[in-house]
Amino acid sequence: MTHKISLKNMVFYGFHGVYEFERELGQRFFLDVDMTANLEKAGKSDQLEDTIDYVAVYNLTKNIVENKRFQLLEALSYHIADEVLRMHPLVEETVVRVRKPSVPIAAALDCVEVEAVRRRN
């Protein structure tokens, strides 16, 4: 039985970007983390130890976004996805979406979004 746990529209302030001013001034980033797993045991037991602790995933994501620095959103999203798989052995697949609304380009758009999909081997 497959289940999906999602954390949607998390907002963090980080210092990521190709340009030096992005890494100095920082900006808001919006993230989603989706995790797919067989959580039948949790459905039957109603116990936290049988599922994915989404508070721990939130804290992991917050720590990475706010305390590490990446030039590329691709690297940021990949790193989060990889750490989610490492932290939670129940997770079979994770999808991490990072949205950056304040992109330094002369264009009218809501944001730039990068999505990383990682599957357990």
PDB file of N, CA and C in Angstrom:
ATOM      1  N   MET A   1       0.848  -1.176   0.000  1.00  0.00           N
ATOM      2  CA  MET A   1       0.000   0.000   0.000  1.00  0.00           C
ATOM      3  C   MET A   1       0.892   1.237   0.000  1.00  0.00           C
ATOM      4  N   THR A   2       0.663   2.126  -0.925  1.00  0.00           N
ATOM      5  CA  THR A   2       1.487   3.321  -1.048  1.00  0.00           C
ATOM      6  C   THR A   2       0.773   4.527  -0.446  1.00  0.00           C
ATOM      7  N   HIS A   3       1.523   5.292   0.306  1.00  0.00           N
ATOM      8  CA  HIS A   3       1.036   6.523   0.912  1.00  0.00           C
ATOM      9  C   HIS A   3       1.943   7.669   0.480  1.00  0.00           C
ATOM     10  N   LYS A   4       1.424   8.868   0.571  1.00  0.00           N
ATOM     11  CA  LYS A   4       2.216  10.052   0.247  1.00  0.00           C
ATOM     12  C   LYS A   4       2.029  11.069   1.362  1.00  0.00           C
ATOM     13  N   ILE A   5       3.147  11.559   1.877  1.00  0.00           N
ATOM     14  CA  ILE A   5       3.145  12.637   2.852  1.00  0.00           C
ATOM     15  C   ILE A   5       3.767  13.847   2.171  1.00  0.00           C
ATOM     16  N   SER A   6       3.109  14.988   2.276  1.00  0.00           N
ATOM     17  CA  SER A   6       3.591  16.207   1.627  1.00  0.00           C
ATOM     18  C   SER A   6       3.667  17.353   2.613  1.00  0.00           C
ATOM     19  N   LEU A   7       4.738  18.099   2.523  1.00  0.00           N
ATOM     20  CA  LEU A   7       4.878  19.372   3.225  1.00  0.00           C
ATOM     21  C   LEU A   7       4.856  20.435   2.140  1.00  0.00           C
ATOM     22  N   LYS A   8       3.876  21.319   2.165  1.00  0.00           N
ATOM     23  CA  LYS A   8       3.643  22.268   1.073  1.00  0.00           C
ATOM     24  C   LYS A   8       3.899  23.712   1.502  1.00  0.00           C
ATOM     25  N   ASN A   9       4.492  24.451   0.587  1.00  0.00           N
ATOM     26  CA  ASN A   9       4.695  25.893   0.738  1.00  0.00           C
ATOM     27  C   ASN A   9       5.413  26.287   2.021  1.00  0.00           C
ATOM     28  N   MET A  10       6.447  25.532   2.372  1.00  0.00           N
ATOM     29  CA  MET A  10       7.302  25.948   3.481  1.00  0.00           C
ATOM     30  C   MET A  10       8.072  27.181   3.013  1.00  0.00           C
ATOM     31  N   VAL A  11       8.247  28.143   3.889  1.00  0.00           N
ATOM     32  CA  VAL A  11       8.938  29.384   3.532  1.00  0.00           C
ATOM     33  C   VAL A  11      10.138  29.548   4.452  1.00  0.00           C
ATOM     34  N   PHE A  12      11.302  29.736   3.836  1.00  0.00           N
ATOM     35  CA  PHE A  12      12.537  29.929   4.585  1.00  0.00           C
ATOM     36  C   PHE A  12      13.325  31.068   3.960  1.00  0.00           C
ATOM     37  N   TYR A  13      14.200  31.649   4.752  1.00  0.00           N
ATOM     38  CA  TYR A  13      15.086  32.697   4.259  1.00  0.00           C
ATOM     39  C   TYR A  13      16.478  32.094   4.128  1.00  0.00           C
ATOM     40  N   GLY A  14      17.012  32.132   2.902  1.00  0.00           N
ATOM     41  CA  GLY A  14      18.309  31.525   2.661  1.00  0.00           C
ATOM     42  C   GLY A  14      19.202  32.414   1.815  1.00  0.00           C
ATOM     43  N   PHE A  15      20.435  31.972   1.656  1.00  0.00           N
ATOM     44  CA  PHE A  15      21.467  32.742   0.966  1.00  0.00           C
ATOM     45  C   PHE A  15      22.024  31.928  -0.199  1.00  0.00           C
ATOM     46  N   HIS A  16      21.168  31.670  -1.184  1.00  0.00           N
ATOM     47  CA  HIS A  16      21.527  30.838  -2.321  1.00  0.00           C
ATOM     48  C   HIS A  16      21.420  31.659  -3.597  1.00  0.00           C
ATOM     49  N   GLY A  17      22.328  31.411  -4.516  1.00  0.00           N
ATOM     50  CA  GLY A  17      22.277  32.085  -5.802  1.00  0.00           C
ATOM     51  C   GLY A  17      23.641  32.130  -6.449  1.00  0.00           C
ATOM     52  N   VAL A  18      23.624  32.364  -7.729  1.00  0.00           N
ATOM     53  CA  VAL A  18      24.860  32.447  -8.501  1.00  0.00           C
ATOM     54  C   VAL A  18      25.581  33.763  -8.224  1.00  0.00           C
ATOM     55  N   TYR A  19      24.806  34.811  -8.019  1.00  0.00           N
ATOM     56  CA  TYR A  19      25.391  36.139  -7.853  1.00  0.00           C
ATOM     57  C   TYR A  19      25.726  36.417  -6.391  1.00  0.00           C
ATOM     58  N   GLU A  20      26.831  37.123  -6.201  1.00  0.00           N
ATOM     59  CA  GLU A  20      27.310  37.412  -4.852  1.00  0.00           C
ATOM     60  C   GLU A  20      26.261  38.151  -4.011  1.00  0.00           C
ATOM     61  N   PHE A  21      25.565  39.100  -4.614  1.00  0.00           N
ATOM     62  CA  PHE A  21      24.571  39.859  -3.843  1.00  0.00           C
ATOM     63  C   PHE A  21      23.443  38.961  -3.333  1.00  0.00           C
ATOM     64  N   GLU A  22      23.117  37.890  -4.041  1.00  0.00           N
ATOM     65  CA  GLU A  22      22.094  36.949  -3.578  1.00  0.00           C
ATOM     66  C   GLU A  22      22.576  36.209  -2.328  1.00  0.00           C
ATOM     67  N   ARG A  23      23.862  35.865  -2.341  1.00  0.00           N
ATOM     68  CA  ARG A  23      24.433  35.136  -1.209  1.00  0.00           C
ATOM     69  C   ARG A  23      24.703  36.048  -0.015  1.00  0.00           C
ATOM     70  N   GLU A  24      24.801  37.358  -0.255  1.00  0.00           N
ATOM     71  CA  GLU A  24      25.014  38.309   0.838  1.00  0.00           C
ATOM     72  C   GLU A  24      23.699  38.784   1.441  1.00  0.00           C
ATOM     73  N   LEU A  25      22.745  39.152   0.588  1.00  0.00           N
ATOM     74  CA  LEU A  25      21.477  39.710   1.072  1.00  0.00           C
ATOM     75  C   LEU A  25      20.468  38.640   1.467  1.00  0.00           C
ATOM     76  N   GLY A  26      20.494  37.512   0.760  1.00  0.00           N
ATOM     77  CA  GLY A  26      19.529  36.452   1.004  1.00  0.00           C
ATOM     78  C   GLY A  26      18.154  36.795   0.463  1.00  0.00           C
ATOM     79  N   GLN A  27      17.246  35.836   0.545  1.00  0.00           N
ATOM     80  CA  GLN A  27      15.883  36.020   0.065  1.00  0.00           C
ATOM     81  C   GLN A  27      15.024  34.853   0.522  1.00  0.00           C
ATOM     82  N   ARG A  28      13.719  34.966   0.286  1.00  0.00           N
ATOM     83  CA  ARG A  28      12.799  33.893   0.642  1.00  0.00           C
ATOM     84  C   ARG A  28      12.828  32.797  -0.419  1.00  0.00           C
ATOM     85  N   PHE A  29      12.678  31.574   0.065  1.00  0.00           N
ATOM     86  CA  PHE A  29      12.540  30.400  -0.794  1.00  0.00           C
ATOM     87  C   PHE A  29      11.307  29.637  -0.326  1.00  0.00           C
ATOM     88  N   PHE A  30      10.557  29.109  -1.275  1.00  0.00           N
ATOM     89  CA  PHE A  30       9.358  28.323  -0.991  1.00  0.00           C
ATOM     90  C   PHE A  30       9.643  26.882  -1.391  1.00  0.00           C
ATOM     91  N   LEU A  31       9.333  25.939  -0.516  1.00  0.00           N
ATOM     92  CA  LEU A  31       9.662  24.541  -0.781  1.00  0.00           C
ATOM     93  C   LEU A  31       8.484  23.626  -0.518  1.00  0.00           C
ATOM     94  N   ASP A  32       8.424  22.565  -1.319  1.00  0.00           N
ATOM     95  CA  ASP A  32       7.511  21.441  -1.105  1.00  0.00           C
ATOM     96  C   ASP A  32       8.373  20.192  -1.011  1.00  0.00           C
ATOM     97  N   VAL A  33       8.023  19.305  -0.114  1.00  0.00           N
ATOM     98  CA  VAL A  33       8.671  17.992  -0.033  1.00  0.00           C
ATOM     99  C   VAL A  33       7.565  16.944  -0.019  1.00  0.00           C
ATOM    100  N   ASP A  34       7.576  16.063  -1.027  1.00  0.00           N
ATOM    101  CA  ASP A  34       6.644  14.940  -1.105  1.00  0.00           C
ATOM    102  C   ASP A  34       7.428  13.661  -0.854  1.00  0.00           C
ATOM    103  N   MET A  35       6.857  12.777  -0.046  1.00  0.00           N
ATOM    104  CA  MET A  35       7.511  11.502   0.262  1.00  0.00           C
ATOM    105  C   MET A  35       6.522  10.368   0.049  1.00  0.00           C
ATOM    106  N   THR A  36       6.943   9.361  -0.693  1.00  0.00           N
ATOM    107  CA  THR A  36       6.126   8.190  -0.965  1.00  0.00           C
ATOM    108  C   THR A  36       6.703   7.014  -0.185  1.00  0.00           C
ATOM    109  N   ALA A  37       5.810   6.270   0.482  1.00  0.00           N
ATOM    110  CA  ALA A  37       6.251   5.127   1.290  1.00  0.00           C
ATOM    111  C   ALA A  37       5.086   4.181   1.527  1.00  0.00           C
ATOM    112  N   ASN A  38       5.423   2.966   1.887  1.00  0.00           N
ATOM    113  CA  ASN A  38       4.404   2.022   2.328  1.00  0.00           C
ATOM    114  C   ASN A  38       4.213   2.240   3.828  1.00  0.00           C
ATOM    115  N   LEU A  39       3.098   2.846   4.186  1.00  0.00           N
ATOM    116  CA  LEU A  39       2.832   3.177   5.584  1.00  0.00           C
ATOM    117  C   LEU A  39       1.654   2.391   6.140  1.00  0.00           C
ATOM    118  N   GLU A  40       1.464   1.201   5.599  1.00  0.00           N
ATOM    119  CA  GLU A  40       0.369   0.343   6.065  1.00  0.00           C
ATOM    120  C   GLU A  40       0.504   0.044   7.557  1.00  0.00           C
ATOM    121  N   LYS A  41       1.725  -0.218   7.999  1.00  0.00           N
ATOM    122  CA  LYS A  41       1.952  -0.524   9.410  1.00  0.00           C
ATOM    123  C   LYS A  41       1.498   0.635  10.297  1.00  0.00           C
ATOM    124  N   ALA A  42       1.809   1.865   9.891  1.00  0.00           N
ATOM    125  CA  ALA A  42       1.387   3.042  10.659  1.00  0.00           C
ATOM    126  C   ALA A  42      -0.122   3.192  10.653  1.00  0.00           C
ATOM    127  N   GLY A  43      -0.736   2.865   9.524  1.00  0.00           N
ATOM    128  CA  GLY A  43      -2.187   2.935   9.438  1.00  0.00           C
ATOM    129  C   GLY A  43      -2.862   2.001  10.413  1.00  0.00           C
ATOM    130  N   LYS A  44      -2.229   0.868  10.661  1.00  0.00           N
ATOM    131  CA  LYS A  44      -2.792  -0.115  11.591  1.00  0.00           C
ATOM    132  C   LYS A  44      -2.411   0.164  13.042  1.00  0.00           C
ATOM    133  N   SER A  45      -1.163   0.616  13.261  1.00  0.00           N
ATOM    134  CA  SER A  45      -0.676   0.771  14.634  1.00  0.00           C
ATOM    135  C   SER A  45      -1.002   2.129  15.246  1.00  0.00           C
ATOM    136  N   ASP A  46      -1.128   3.158  14.407  1.00  0.00           N
ATOM    137  CA  ASP A  46      -1.365   4.526  14.875  1.00  0.00           C
ATOM    138  C   ASP A  46      -0.208   5.022  15.742  1.00  0.00           C
ATOM    139  N   GLN A  47       1.028   4.581  15.403  1.00  0.00           N
ATOM    140  CA  GLN A  47       2.216   4.944  16.174  1.00  0.00           C
ATOM    141  C   GLN A  47       3.203   5.718  15.306  1.00  0.00           C
ATOM    142  N   LEU A  48       3.759   6.792  15.866  1.00  0.00           N
ATOM    143  CA  LEU A  48       4.692   7.655  15.148  1.00  0.00           C
ATOM    144  C   LEU A  48       5.913   6.895  14.633  1.00  0.00           C
ATOM    145  N   GLU A  49       6.408   5.941  15.414  1.00  0.00           N
ATOM    146  CA  GLU A  49       7.621   5.212  14.994  1.00  0.00           C
ATOM    147  C   GLU A  49       7.400   4.349  13.754  1.00  0.00           C
ATOM    148  N   ASP A  50       6.154   4.175  13.336  1.00  0.00           N
ATOM    149  CA  ASP A  50       5.857   3.365  12.150  1.00  0.00           C
ATOM    150  C   ASP A  50       5.618   4.211  10.895  1.00  0.00           C
ATOM    151  N   THR A  51       5.874   5.513  11.004  1.00  0.00           N
ATOM    152  CA  THR A  51       5.636   6.392   9.862  1.00  0.00           C
ATOM    153  C   THR A  51       6.823   7.318   9.661  1.00  0.00           C
ATOM    154  N   ILE A  52       6.654   8.310   8.824  1.00  0.00           N
ATOM    155  CA  ILE A  52       7.681   9.317   8.554  1.00  0.00           C
ATOM    156  C   ILE A  52       7.373  10.522   9.429  1.00  0.00           C
ATOM    157  N   ASP A  53       8.311  10.913  10.229  1.00  0.00           N
ATOM    158  CA  ASP A  53       8.137  12.056  11.116  1.00  0.00           C
ATOM    159  C   ASP A  53       8.281  13.333  10.303  1.00  0.00           C
ATOM    160  N   TYR A  54       7.155  13.930   9.923  1.00  0.00           N
ATOM    161  CA  TYR A  54       7.224  15.103   9.050  1.00  0.00           C
ATOM    162  C   TYR A  54       7.737  16.341   9.778  1.00  0.00           C
ATOM    163  N   VAL A  55       7.683  16.354  11.103  1.00  0.00           N
ATOM    164  CA  VAL A  55       8.308  17.447  11.848  1.00  0.00           C
ATOM    165  C   VAL A  55       9.829  17.385  11.657  1.00  0.00           C
ATOM    166  N   ALA A  56      10.387  16.183  11.690  1.00  0.00           N
ATOM    167  CA  ALA A  56      11.821  16.010  11.465  1.00  0.00           C
ATOM    168  C   ALA A  56      12.201  16.413  10.036  1.00  0.00           C
ATOM    169  N   VAL A  57      11.338  16.113   9.065  1.00  0.00           N
ATOM    170  CA  VAL A  57      11.603  16.502   7.677  1.00  0.00           C
ATOM    171  C   VAL A  57      11.563  18.028   7.547  1.00  0.00           C
ATOM    172  N   TYR A  58      10.592  18.654   8.203  1.00  0.00           N
ATOM    173  CA  TYR A  58      10.522  20.119   8.200  1.00  0.00           C
ATOM    174  C   TYR A  58      11.808  20.710   8.779  1.00  0.00           C
ATOM    175  N   ASN A  59      12.217  20.219   9.935  1.00  0.00           N
ATOM    176  CA  ASN A  59      13.422  20.743  10.583  1.00  0.00           C
ATOM    177  C   ASN A  59      14.672  20.510   9.748  1.00  0.00           C
ATOM    178  N   LEU A  60      14.771  19.355   9.108  1.00  0.00           N
ATOM    179  CA  LEU A  60      15.887  19.064   8.214  1.00  0.00           C
ATOM    180  C   LEU A  60      15.924  20.062   7.065  1.00  0.00           C
ATOM    181  N   THR A  61      14.773  20.271   6.435  1.00  0.00           N
ATOM    182  CA  THR A  61      14.687  21.193   5.300  1.00  0.00           C
ATOM    183  C   THR A  61      15.047  22.610   5.729  1.00  0.00           C
ATOM    184  N   LYS A  62      14.485  23.047   6.844  1.00  0.00           N
ATOM    185  CA  LYS A  62      14.771  24.387   7.377  1.00  0.00           C
ATOM    186  C   LYS A  62      16.265  24.557   7.629  1.00  0.00           C
ATOM    187  N   ASN A  63      16.886  23.576   8.251  1.00  0.00           N
ATOM    188  CA  ASN A  63      18.311  23.650   8.557  1.00  0.00           C
ATOM    189  C   ASN A  63      19.151  23.770   7.284  1.00  0.00           C
ATOM    190  N   ILE A  64      18.836  22.988   6.280  1.00  0.00           N
ATOM    191  CA  ILE A  64      19.611  23.023   5.034  1.00  0.00           C
ATOM    192  C   ILE A  64      19.436  24.368   4.337  1.00  0.00           C
ATOM    193  N   VAL A  65      18.190  24.820   4.191  1.00  0.00           N
ATOM    194  CA  VAL A  65      17.938  26.076   3.474  1.00  0.00           C
ATOM    195  C   VAL A  65      18.556  27.262   4.201  1.00  0.00           C
ATOM    196  N   GLU A  66      18.436  27.290   5.523  1.00  0.00           N
ATOM    197  CA  GLU A  66      18.871  28.462   6.273  1.00  0.00           C
ATOM    198  C   GLU A  66      20.344  28.452   6.665  1.00  0.00           C
ATOM    199  N   ASN A  67      20.982  27.272   6.692  1.00  0.00           N
ATOM    200  CA  ASN A  67      22.354  27.208   7.200  1.00  0.00           C
ATOM    201  C   ASN A  67      23.403  26.753   6.200  1.00  0.00           C
ATOM    202  N   LYS A  68      22.993  26.293   5.049  1.00  0.00           N
ATOM    203  CA  LYS A  68      23.952  25.923   4.005  1.00  0.00           C
ATOM    204  C   LYS A  68      23.800  26.922   2.873  1.00  0.00           C
ATOM    205  N   ARG A  69      24.780  26.952   1.981  1.00  0.00           N
ATOM    206  CA  ARG A  69      24.734  27.876   0.845  1.00  0.00           C
ATOM    207  C   ARG A  69      25.021  27.111  -0.438  1.00  0.00           C
ATOM    208  N   PHE A  70      24.162  27.350  -1.411  1.00  0.00           N
ATOM    209  CA  PHE A  70      24.307  26.730  -2.726  1.00  0.00           C
ATOM    210  C   PHE A  70      24.188  27.820  -3.782  1.00  0.00           C
ATOM    211  N   GLN A  71      24.910  27.663  -4.868  1.00  0.00           N
ATOM    212  CA  GLN A  71      24.748  28.572  -5.993  1.00  0.00           C
ATOM    213  C   GLN A  71      23.494  28.217  -6.793  1.00  0.00           C
ATOM    214  N   LEU A  72      23.253  26.923  -6.943  1.00  0.00           N
ATOM    215  CA  LEU A  72      22.169  26.462  -7.816  1.00  0.00           C
ATOM    216  C   LEU A  72      21.010  25.867  -7.024  1.00  0.00           C
ATOM    217  N   LEU A  73      19.793  26.150  -7.480  1.00  0.00           N
ATOM    218  CA  LEU A  73      18.611  25.529  -6.892  1.00  0.00           C
ATOM    219  C   LEU A  73      18.644  24.021  -7.111  1.00  0.00           C
ATOM    220  N   GLU A  74      19.255  23.594  -8.204  1.00  0.00           N
ATOM    221  CA  GLU A  74      19.392  22.170  -8.482  1.00  0.00           C
ATOM    222  C   GLU A  74      20.172  21.476  -7.375  1.00  0.00           C
ATOM    223  N   ALA A  75      21.238  22.110  -6.901  1.00  0.00           N
ATOM    224  CA  ALA A  75      22.049  21.528  -5.826  1.00  0.00           C
ATOM    225  C   ALA A  75      21.292  21.543  -4.498  1.00  0.00           C
ATOM    226  N   LEU A  76      20.584  22.621  -4.230  1.00  0.00           N
ATOM    227  CA  LEU A  76      19.798  22.724  -3.002  1.00  0.00           C
ATOM    228  C   LEU A  76      18.718  21.643  -2.948  1.00  0.00           C
ATOM    229  N   SER A  77      17.954  21.505  -4.014  1.00  0.00           N
ATOM    230  CA  SER A  77      16.866  20.524  -4.033  1.00  0.00           C
ATOM    231  C   SER A  77      17.402  19.096  -3.979  1.00  0.00           C
ATOM    232  N   TYR A  78      18.482  18.827  -4.685  1.00  0.00           N
ATOM    233  CA  TYR A  78      19.097  17.494  -4.675  1.00  0.00           C
ATOM    234  C   TYR A  78      19.578  17.140  -3.269  1.00  0.00           C
ATOM    235  N   HIS A  79      20.218  18.095  -2.610  1.00  0.00           N
ATOM    236  CA  HIS A  79      20.762  17.845  -1.271  1.00  0.00           C
ATOM    237  C   HIS A  79      19.644  17.528  -0.271  1.00  0.00           C
ATOM    238  N   ILE A  80      18.561  18.282  -0.332  1.00  0.00           N
ATOM    239  CA  ILE A  80      17.433  18.021   0.569  1.00  0.00           C
ATOM    240  C   ILE A  80      16.845  16.647   0.299  1.00  0.00           C
ATOM    241  N   ALA A  81      16.610  16.333  -0.979  1.00  0.00           N
ATOM    242  CA  ALA A  81      16.033  15.028  -1.333  1.00  0.00           C
ATOM    243  C   ALA A  81      16.926  13.887  -0.859  1.00  0.00           C
ATOM    244  N   ASP A  82      18.213  14.031  -1.057  1.00  0.00           N
ATOM    245  CA  ASP A  82      19.165  13.000  -0.647  1.00  0.00           C
ATOM    246  C   ASP A  82      19.154  12.815   0.870  1.00  0.00           C
ATOM    247  N   GLU A  83      19.092  13.904   1.612  1.00  0.00           N
ATOM    248  CA  GLU A  83      19.074  13.828   3.075  1.00  0.00           C
ATOM    249  C   GLU A  83      17.770  13.231   3.594  1.00  0.00           C
ATOM    250  N   VAL A  84      16.643  13.516   2.928  1.00  0.00           N
ATOM    251  CA  VAL A  84      15.366  12.914   3.337  1.00  0.00           C
ATOM    252  C   VAL A  84      15.450  11.397   3.205  1.00  0.00           C
ATOM    253  N   LEU A  85      16.003  10.906   2.090  1.00  0.00           N
ATOM    254  CA  LEU A  85      16.156   9.456   1.901  1.00  0.00           C
ATOM    255  C   LEU A  85      17.088   8.860   2.954  1.00  0.00           C
ATOM    256  N   ARG A  86      18.152   9.578   3.271  1.00  0.00           N
ATOM    257  CA  ARG A  86      19.116   9.078   4.259  1.00  0.00           C
ATOM    258  C   ARG A  86      18.481   9.034   5.650  1.00  0.00           C
ATOM    259  N   MET A  87      17.708  10.044   5.987  1.00  0.00           N
ATOM    260  CA  MET A  87      17.135  10.165   7.323  1.00  0.00           C
ATOM    261  C   MET A  87      15.985   9.189   7.572  1.00  0.00           C
ATOM    262  N   HIS A  88      15.212   8.912   6.542  1.00  0.00           N
ATOM    263  CA  HIS A  88      13.997   8.110   6.705  1.00  0.00           C
ATOM    264  C   HIS A  88      14.032   6.876   5.802  1.00  0.00           C
ATOM    265  N   PRO A  89      14.407   5.723   6.340  1.00  0.00           N
ATOM    266  CA  PRO A  89      14.499   4.511   5.528  1.00  0.00           C
ATOM    267  C   PRO A  89      13.161   4.051   4.944  1.00  0.00           C
ATOM    268  N   LEU A  90      12.045   4.504   5.483  1.00  0.00           N
ATOM    269  CA  LEU A  90      10.742   4.128   4.931  1.00  0.00           C
ATOM    270  C   LEU A  90      10.446   4.826   3.604  1.00  0.00           C
ATOM    271  N   VAL A  91      11.060   5.982   3.373  1.00  0.00           N
ATOM    272  CA  VAL A  91      10.774   6.752   2.161  1.00  0.00           C
ATOM    273  C   VAL A  91      11.335   6.025   0.946  1.00  0.00           C
ATOM    274  N   GLU A  92      10.461   5.736  -0.003  1.00  0.00           N
ATOM    275  CA  GLU A  92      10.862   5.077  -1.251  1.00  0.00           C
ATOM    276  C   GLU A  92      11.223   6.091  -2.325  1.00  0.00           C
ATOM    277  N   GLU A  93      10.526   7.234  -2.309  1.00  0.00           N
ATOM    278  CA  GLU A  93      10.784   8.289  -3.287  1.00  0.00           C
ATOM    279  C   GLU A  93      10.474   9.625  -2.636  1.00  0.00           C
ATOM    280  N   THR A  94      11.283  10.616  -2.959  1.00  0.00           N
ATOM    281  CA  THR A  94      10.995  11.969  -2.495  1.00  0.00           C
ATOM    282  C   THR A  94      11.098  12.931  -3.670  1.00  0.00           C
ATOM    283  N   VAL A  95      10.208  13.897  -3.663  1.00  0.00           N
ATOM    284  CA  VAL A  95      10.201  14.959  -4.665  1.00  0.00           C
ATOM    285  C   VAL A  95      10.336  16.268  -3.896  1.00  0.00           C
ATOM    286  N   VAL A  96      11.356  17.037  -4.235  1.00  0.00           N
ATOM    287  CA  VAL A  96      11.592  18.322  -3.583  1.00  0.00           C
ATOM    288  C   VAL A  96      11.475  19.414  -4.640  1.00  0.00           C
ATOM    289  N   ARG A  97      10.588  20.366  -4.384  1.00  0.00           N
ATOM    290  CA  ARG A  97      10.427  21.513  -5.273  1.00  0.00           C
ATOM    291  C   ARG A  97      10.890  22.762  -4.533  1.00  0.00           C
ATOM    292  N   VAL A  98      11.775  23.518  -5.169  1.00  0.00           N
ATOM    293  CA  VAL A  98      12.268  24.774  -4.612  1.00  0.00           C
ATOM    294  C   VAL A  98      11.845  25.887  -5.555  1.00  0.00           C
ATOM    295  N   ARG A  99      11.159  26.894  -4.981  1.00  0.00           N
ATOM    296  CA  ARG A  99      10.729  28.044  -5.765  1.00  0.00           C
ATOM    297  C   ARG A  99      11.460  29.291  -5.261  1.00  0.00           C
ATOM    298  N   LYS A 100      11.954  30.040  -6.217  1.00  0.00           N
ATOM    299  CA  LYS A 100      12.682  31.279  -5.921  1.00  0.00           C
ATOM    300  C   LYS A 100      11.925  32.425  -6.598  1.00  0.00           C
ATOM    301  N   PRO A 101      11.181  33.226  -5.827  1.00  0.00           N
ATOM    302  CA  PRO A 101      10.379  34.276  -6.445  1.00  0.00           C
ATOM    303  C   PRO A 101      11.181  35.504  -6.886  1.00  0.00           C
ATOM    304  N   SER A 102      12.288  35.779  -6.228  1.00  0.00           N
ATOM    305  CA  SER A 102      13.065  36.990  -6.539  1.00  0.00           C
ATOM    306  C   SER A 102      14.264  36.652  -7.406  1.00  0.00           C
ATOM    307  N   VAL A 103      13.994  36.291  -8.638  1.00  0.00           N
ATOM    308  CA  VAL A 103      15.090  35.936  -9.549  1.00  0.00           C
ATOM    309  C   VAL A 103      15.645  37.202 -10.198  1.00  0.00           C
ATOM    310  N   PRO A 104      16.963  37.278 -10.355  1.00  0.00           N
ATOM    311  CA  PRO A 104      17.578  38.483 -10.903  1.00  0.00           C
ATOM    312  C   PRO A 104      17.573  38.501 -12.438  1.00  0.00           C
ATOM    313  N   ILE A 105      16.366  38.486 -12.998  1.00  0.00           N
ATOM    314  CA  ILE A 105      16.241  38.599 -14.451  1.00  0.00           C
ATOM    315  C   ILE A 105      15.153  39.625 -14.757  1.00  0.00           C
ATOM    316  N   ALA A 106      15.305  40.301 -15.869  1.00  0.00           N
ATOM    317  CA  ALA A 106      14.325  41.306 -16.282  1.00  0.00           C
ATOM    318  C   ALA A 106      13.173  40.596 -16.990  1.00  0.00           C
ATOM    319  N   ALA A 107      12.234  40.094 -16.188  1.00  0.00           N
ATOM    320  CA  ALA A 107      11.096  39.364 -16.753  1.00  0.00           C
ATOM    321  C   ALA A 107       9.939  39.411 -15.772  1.00  0.00           C
ATOM    322  N   ALA A 108       8.748  39.302 -16.306  1.00  0.00           N
ATOM    323  CA  ALA A 108       7.559  39.221 -15.464  1.00  0.00           C
ATOM    324  C   ALA A 108       7.222  37.754 -15.265  1.00  0.00           C
ATOM    325  N   LEU A 109       7.469  37.237 -14.053  1.00  0.00           N
ATOM    326  CA  LEU A 109       7.146  35.854 -13.722  1.00  0.00           C
ATOM    327  C   LEU A 109       7.004  35.718 -12.227  1.00  0.00           C
ATOM    328  N   ASP A 110       6.269  34.701 -11.814  1.00  0.00           N
ATOM    329  CA  ASP A 110       6.045  34.479 -10.383  1.00  0.00           C
ATOM    330  C   ASP A 110       7.301  33.982  -9.679  1.00  0.00           C
ATOM    331  N   CYS A 111       7.978  33.009 -10.312  1.00  0.00           N
ATOM    332  CA  CYS A 111       9.147  32.418  -9.674  1.00  0.00           C
ATOM    333  C   CYS A 111       9.843  31.498 -10.667  1.00  0.00           C
ATOM    334  N   VAL A 112      11.002  31.046 -10.256  1.00  0.00           N
ATOM    335  CA  VAL A 112      11.682  29.943 -10.935  1.00  0.00           C
ATOM    336  C   VAL A 112      11.565  28.752  -9.994  1.00  0.00           C
ATOM    337  N   GLU A 113      11.283  27.576 -10.545  1.00  0.00           N
ATOM    338  CA  GLU A 113      11.107  26.375  -9.730  1.00  0.00           C
ATOM    339  C   GLU A 113      11.986  25.260 -10.263  1.00  0.00           C
ATOM    340  N   VAL A 114      12.638  24.570  -9.346  1.00  0.00           N
ATOM    341  CA  VAL A 114      13.426  23.386  -9.683  1.00  0.00           C
ATOM    342  C   VAL A 114      12.864  22.226  -8.881  1.00  0.00           C
ATOM    343  N   GLU A 115      12.738  21.074  -9.523  1.00  0.00           N
ATOM    344  CA  GLU A 115      12.212  19.879  -8.875  1.00  0.00           C
ATOM    345  C   GLU A 115      13.241  18.758  -8.963  1.00  0.00           C
ATOM    346  N   ALA A 116      13.540  18.162  -7.814  1.00  0.00           N
ATOM    347  CA  ALA A 116      14.442  17.015  -7.757  1.00  0.00           C
ATOM    348  C   ALA A 116      13.633  15.796  -7.333  1.00  0.00           C
ATOM    349  N   VAL A 117      13.794  14.700  -8.072  1.00  0.00           N
ATOM    350  CA  VAL A 117      13.137  13.442  -7.743  1.00  0.00           C
ATOM    351  C   VAL A 117      14.232  12.430  -7.442  1.00  0.00           C
ATOM    352  N   ARG A 118      14.175  11.879  -6.233  1.00  0.00           N
ATOM    353  CA  ARG A 118      15.168  10.864  -5.846  1.00  0.00           C
ATOM    354  C   ARG A 118      14.432   9.625  -5.389  1.00  0.00           C
ATOM    355  N   ARG A 119      14.903   8.473  -5.854  1.00  0.00           N
ATOM    356  CA  ARG A 119      14.322   7.176  -5.476  1.00  0.00           C
ATOM    357  C   ARG A 119      15.368   6.334  -4.763  1.00  0.00           C
ATOM    358  N   ARG A 120      14.895   5.564  -3.826  1.00  0.00           N
ATOM    359  CA  ARG A 120      15.796   4.654  -3.122  1.00  0.00           C
ATOM    360  C   ARG A 120      16.223   3.555  -4.090  1.00  0.00           C
ATOM    361  N   ASN A 121      17.504   3.220  -4.054  1.00  0.00           N
ATOM    362  CA  ASN A 121      18.029   2.146  -4.927  1.00  0.00           C
ATOM    363  C   ASN A 121      17.702   0.778  -4.372  1.00  0.00           C
TER     364      ASN A 121
END
